[in-house]
């Protein structure tokens, strides 16, 4: 926006209006608002097969969410009900169950599923 500034007031008839100051600018940046829900991407791999007691990295071919105006590190998953025979963890510490993780964690291949066989106190 370009604009001029002038003092406005009741000037006596013998006083000329003040000088006008022009050439000022104000840049306006419009930031898109987050008005669209994140989208679950196409997931060709909806099932994971793995040996009992092992672990497997969850990558973005298995789980992918995108949002046009939100970076991957701000797309956060909260686990509301964990797997019945194992847990999700974030590398490098695969022995601690994660309660949240981000799409960036998935993209960087840091999320894994650790299977815990039935009968184990951890499962």
C-alpha atoms as a PDB file:
ATOM      1  CA  UNK A   1       0.000   0.000   0.000  1.00  0.00           C
ATOM      2  CA  UNK A   2       1.301   3.479  -0.840  1.00  0.00           C
ATOM      3  CA  UNK A   3      -0.148   6.424   1.038  1.00  0.00           C
ATOM      4  CA  UNK A   4       0.137  10.125   1.937  1.00  0.00           C
ATOM      5  CA  UNK A   5      -0.345  11.716   5.340  1.00  0.00           C
ATOM      6  CA  UNK A   6      -1.793  15.189   6.007  1.00  0.00           C
ATOM      7  CA  UNK A   7      -2.969  16.886   9.184  1.00  0.00           C
ATOM      8  CA  UNK A   8      -6.699  17.462   9.224  1.00  0.00           C
ATOM      9  CA  UNK A   9      -8.226  20.243  11.223  1.00  0.00           C
ATOM     10  CA  UNK A  10      -9.947  23.605  11.268  1.00  0.00           C
ATOM     11  CA  UNK A  11      -7.427  26.019   9.843  1.00  0.00           C
ATOM     12  CA  UNK A  12      -7.944  29.769  10.138  1.00  0.00           C
ATOM     13  CA  UNK A  13      -8.659  31.363   6.751  1.00  0.00           C
ATOM     14  CA  UNK A  14      -5.260  33.062   6.664  1.00  0.00           C
ATOM     15  CA  UNK A  15      -3.296  29.793   7.307  1.00  0.00           C
ATOM     16  CA  UNK A  16      -2.492  27.460   4.440  1.00  0.00           C
ATOM     17  CA  UNK A  17      -2.958  23.734   5.075  1.00  0.00           C
ATOM     18  CA  UNK A  18       0.202  21.946   6.241  1.00  0.00           C
ATOM     19  CA  UNK A  19       2.441  20.149   3.837  1.00  0.00           C
ATOM     20  CA  UNK A  20       1.395  16.700   2.792  1.00  0.00           C
ATOM     21  CA  UNK A  21       3.845  13.873   3.353  1.00  0.00           C
ATOM     22  CA  UNK A  22       3.665  11.282   0.570  1.00  0.00           C
ATOM     23  CA  UNK A  23       5.659   8.324  -0.611  1.00  0.00           C
ATOM     24  CA  UNK A  24       5.046   6.112   2.416  1.00  0.00           C
ATOM     25  CA  UNK A  25       4.480   2.402   1.899  1.00  0.00           C
ATOM     26  CA  UNK A  26       3.277  -0.492   3.977  1.00  0.00           C
ATOM     27  CA  UNK A  27       3.831  -4.068   2.877  1.00  0.00           C
ATOM     28  CA  UNK A  28       1.035  -6.501   3.701  1.00  0.00           C
ATOM     29  CA  UNK A  29       1.663 -10.230   3.760  1.00  0.00           C
ATOM     30  CA  UNK A  30      -1.391 -12.453   3.716  1.00  0.00           C
ATOM     31  CA  UNK A  31      -0.818 -15.686   5.595  1.00  0.00           C
ATOM     32  CA  UNK A  32      -3.164 -18.512   4.609  1.00  0.00           C
ATOM     33  CA  UNK A  33      -5.256 -19.689   7.494  1.00  0.00           C
ATOM     34  CA  UNK A  34      -5.488 -23.312   8.361  1.00  0.00           C
ATOM     35  CA  UNK A  35      -9.028 -23.852   7.120  1.00  0.00           C
ATOM     36  CA  UNK A  36      -8.629 -27.253   5.475  1.00  0.00           C
ATOM     37  CA  UNK A  37      -8.305 -30.460   7.458  1.00  0.00           C
ATOM     38  CA  UNK A  38      -5.165 -32.559   6.982  1.00  0.00           C
ATOM     39  CA  UNK A  39      -5.544 -35.240   4.309  1.00  0.00           C
ATOM     40  CA  UNK A  40      -4.730 -38.892   4.722  1.00  0.00           C
ATOM     41  CA  UNK A  41      -2.559 -39.870   1.764  1.00  0.00           C
ATOM     42  CA  UNK A  42      -2.816 -42.921  -0.416  1.00  0.00           C
ATOM     43  CA  UNK A  43      -1.462 -45.861   1.546  1.00  0.00           C
ATOM     44  CA  UNK A  44      -0.599 -48.796  -0.703  1.00  0.00           C
ATOM     45  CA  UNK A  45       0.757 -50.735   2.270  1.00  0.00           C
ATOM     46  CA  UNK A  46      -2.057 -51.085   4.818  1.00  0.00           C
ATOM     47  CA  UNK A  47      -0.812 -54.282   6.421  1.00  0.00           C
ATOM     48  CA  UNK A  48       2.533 -55.103   7.979  1.00  0.00           C
ATOM     49  CA  UNK A  49       3.791 -58.688   8.202  1.00  0.00           C
ATOM     50  CA  UNK A  50       6.724 -59.333  10.480  1.00  0.00           C
ATOM     51  CA  UNK A  51       8.245 -62.059  12.640  1.00  0.00           C
ATOM     52  CA  UNK A  52       6.983 -62.401  16.189  1.00  0.00           C
ATOM     53  CA  UNK A  53       8.974 -60.312  18.683  1.00  0.00           C
ATOM     54  CA  UNK A  54      10.572 -58.111  16.013  1.00  0.00           C
ATOM     55  CA  UNK A  55      10.260 -54.440  15.170  1.00  0.00           C
ATOM     56  CA  UNK A  56       9.545 -52.596  11.929  1.00  0.00           C
ATOM     57  CA  UNK A  57       9.930 -48.965  10.861  1.00  0.00           C
ATOM     58  CA  UNK A  58       6.656 -47.266   9.907  1.00  0.00           C
ATOM     59  CA  UNK A  59       7.368 -45.179   6.792  1.00  0.00           C
ATOM     60  CA  UNK A  60       5.272 -42.746   4.765  1.00  0.00           C
ATOM     61  CA  UNK A  61       4.113 -45.447   2.352  1.00  0.00           C
ATOM     62  CA  UNK A  62       2.323 -46.917   5.360  1.00  0.00           C
ATOM     63  CA  UNK A  63       1.132 -43.715   7.026  1.00  0.00           C
ATOM     64  CA  UNK A  64       1.030 -40.304   5.359  1.00  0.00           C
ATOM     65  CA  UNK A  65      -0.914 -37.171   6.236  1.00  0.00           C
ATOM     66  CA  UNK A  66      -0.466 -33.866   4.412  1.00  0.00           C
ATOM     67  CA  UNK A  67      -1.750 -30.354   4.943  1.00  0.00           C
ATOM     68  CA  UNK A  68      -1.069 -27.532   2.484  1.00  0.00           C
ATOM     69  CA  UNK A  69      -0.244 -24.917   5.102  1.00  0.00           C
ATOM     70  CA  UNK A  70       1.247 -27.037   7.895  1.00  0.00           C
ATOM     71  CA  UNK A  71       4.815 -28.379   7.847  1.00  0.00           C
ATOM     72  CA  UNK A  72       5.368 -32.079   8.561  1.00  0.00           C
ATOM     73  CA  UNK A  73       6.886 -31.415  12.000  1.00  0.00           C
ATOM     74  CA  UNK A  74       3.628 -29.672  13.041  1.00  0.00           C
ATOM     75  CA  UNK A  75       1.374 -32.545  11.915  1.00  0.00           C
ATOM     76  CA  UNK A  76       1.265 -34.424  15.200  1.00  0.00           C
ATOM     77  CA  UNK A  77      -0.388 -37.779  15.826  1.00  0.00           C
ATOM     78  CA  UNK A  78      -1.650 -38.601  19.330  1.00  0.00           C
ATOM     79  CA  UNK A  79      -2.058 -42.272  20.155  1.00  0.00           C
ATOM     80  CA  UNK A  80      -5.514 -42.746  21.657  1.00  0.00           C
ATOM     81  CA  UNK A  81      -5.468 -46.548  21.657  1.00  0.00           C
ATOM     82  CA  UNK A  82      -2.226 -48.422  21.218  1.00  0.00           C
ATOM     83  CA  UNK A  83      -1.691 -51.808  19.595  1.00  0.00           C
ATOM     84  CA  UNK A  84      -2.687 -54.814  21.719  1.00  0.00           C
ATOM     85  CA  UNK A  85       0.565 -56.756  21.293  1.00  0.00           C
ATOM     86  CA  UNK A  86       3.275 -54.149  21.116  1.00  0.00           C
ATOM     87  CA  UNK A  87       3.844 -50.425  20.992  1.00  0.00           C
ATOM     88  CA  UNK A  88       4.990 -47.580  18.797  1.00  0.00           C
ATOM     89  CA  UNK A  89       8.354 -46.006  19.594  1.00  0.00           C
ATOM     90  CA  UNK A  90      10.630 -43.302  18.227  1.00  0.00           C
ATOM     91  CA  UNK A  91      14.211 -44.078  17.312  1.00  0.00           C
ATOM     92  CA  UNK A  92      16.835 -44.120  18.649  1.00  0.00           C
ATOM     93  CA  UNK A  93      15.087 -45.364  21.825  1.00  0.00           C
ATOM     94  CA  UNK A  94      12.925 -48.246  20.655  1.00  0.00           C
ATOM     95  CA  UNK A  95      12.276 -49.497  24.202  1.00  0.00           C
ATOM     96  CA  UNK A  96      10.081 -46.530  25.214  1.00  0.00           C
ATOM     97  CA  UNK A  97       6.496 -46.316  23.980  1.00  0.00           C
ATOM     98  CA  UNK A  98       5.653 -43.039  22.244  1.00  0.00           C
ATOM     99  CA  UNK A  99       2.387 -41.236  22.966  1.00  0.00           C
ATOM    100  CA  UNK A 100       2.829 -38.704  20.138  1.00  0.00           C
ATOM    101  CA  UNK A 101       4.840 -38.455  16.939  1.00  0.00           C
ATOM    102  CA  UNK A 102       4.885 -36.210  13.881  1.00  0.00           C
ATOM    103  CA  UNK A 103       4.680 -36.741  10.150  1.00  0.00           C
ATOM    104  CA  UNK A 104       8.315 -35.575  10.065  1.00  0.00           C
ATOM    105  CA  UNK A 105       9.202 -38.513  12.374  1.00  0.00           C
ATOM    106  CA  UNK A 106       7.547 -40.845   9.860  1.00  0.00           C
ATOM    107  CA  UNK A 107       9.186 -39.137   6.872  1.00  0.00           C
ATOM    108  CA  UNK A 108      12.582 -39.416   8.595  1.00  0.00           C
ATOM    109  CA  UNK A 109      11.891 -43.118   9.343  1.00  0.00           C
ATOM    110  CA  UNK A 110      12.072 -42.664  13.125  1.00  0.00           C
ATOM    111  CA  UNK A 111       8.740 -44.292  14.028  1.00  0.00           C
ATOM    112  CA  UNK A 112       8.586 -48.025  14.577  1.00  0.00           C
ATOM    113  CA  UNK A 113       6.260 -50.714  15.779  1.00  0.00           C
ATOM    114  CA  UNK A 114       7.741 -53.094  18.342  1.00  0.00           C
ATOM    115  CA  UNK A 115       5.895 -56.405  18.622  1.00  0.00           C
ATOM    116  CA  UNK A 116       5.691 -57.907  22.104  1.00  0.00           C
ATOM    117  CA  UNK A 117       4.621 -61.574  22.115  1.00  0.00           C
ATOM    118  CA  UNK A 118       1.566 -62.564  24.136  1.00  0.00           C
ATOM    119  CA  UNK A 119       2.382 -63.583  27.672  1.00  0.00           C
ATOM    120  CA  UNK A 120       5.180 -61.010  27.964  1.00  0.00           C
ATOM    121  CA  UNK A 121       4.573 -58.498  30.780  1.00  0.00           C
ATOM    122  CA  UNK A 122       5.070 -55.654  28.267  1.00  0.00           C
ATOM    123  CA  UNK A 123       2.267 -56.790  25.907  1.00  0.00           C
END
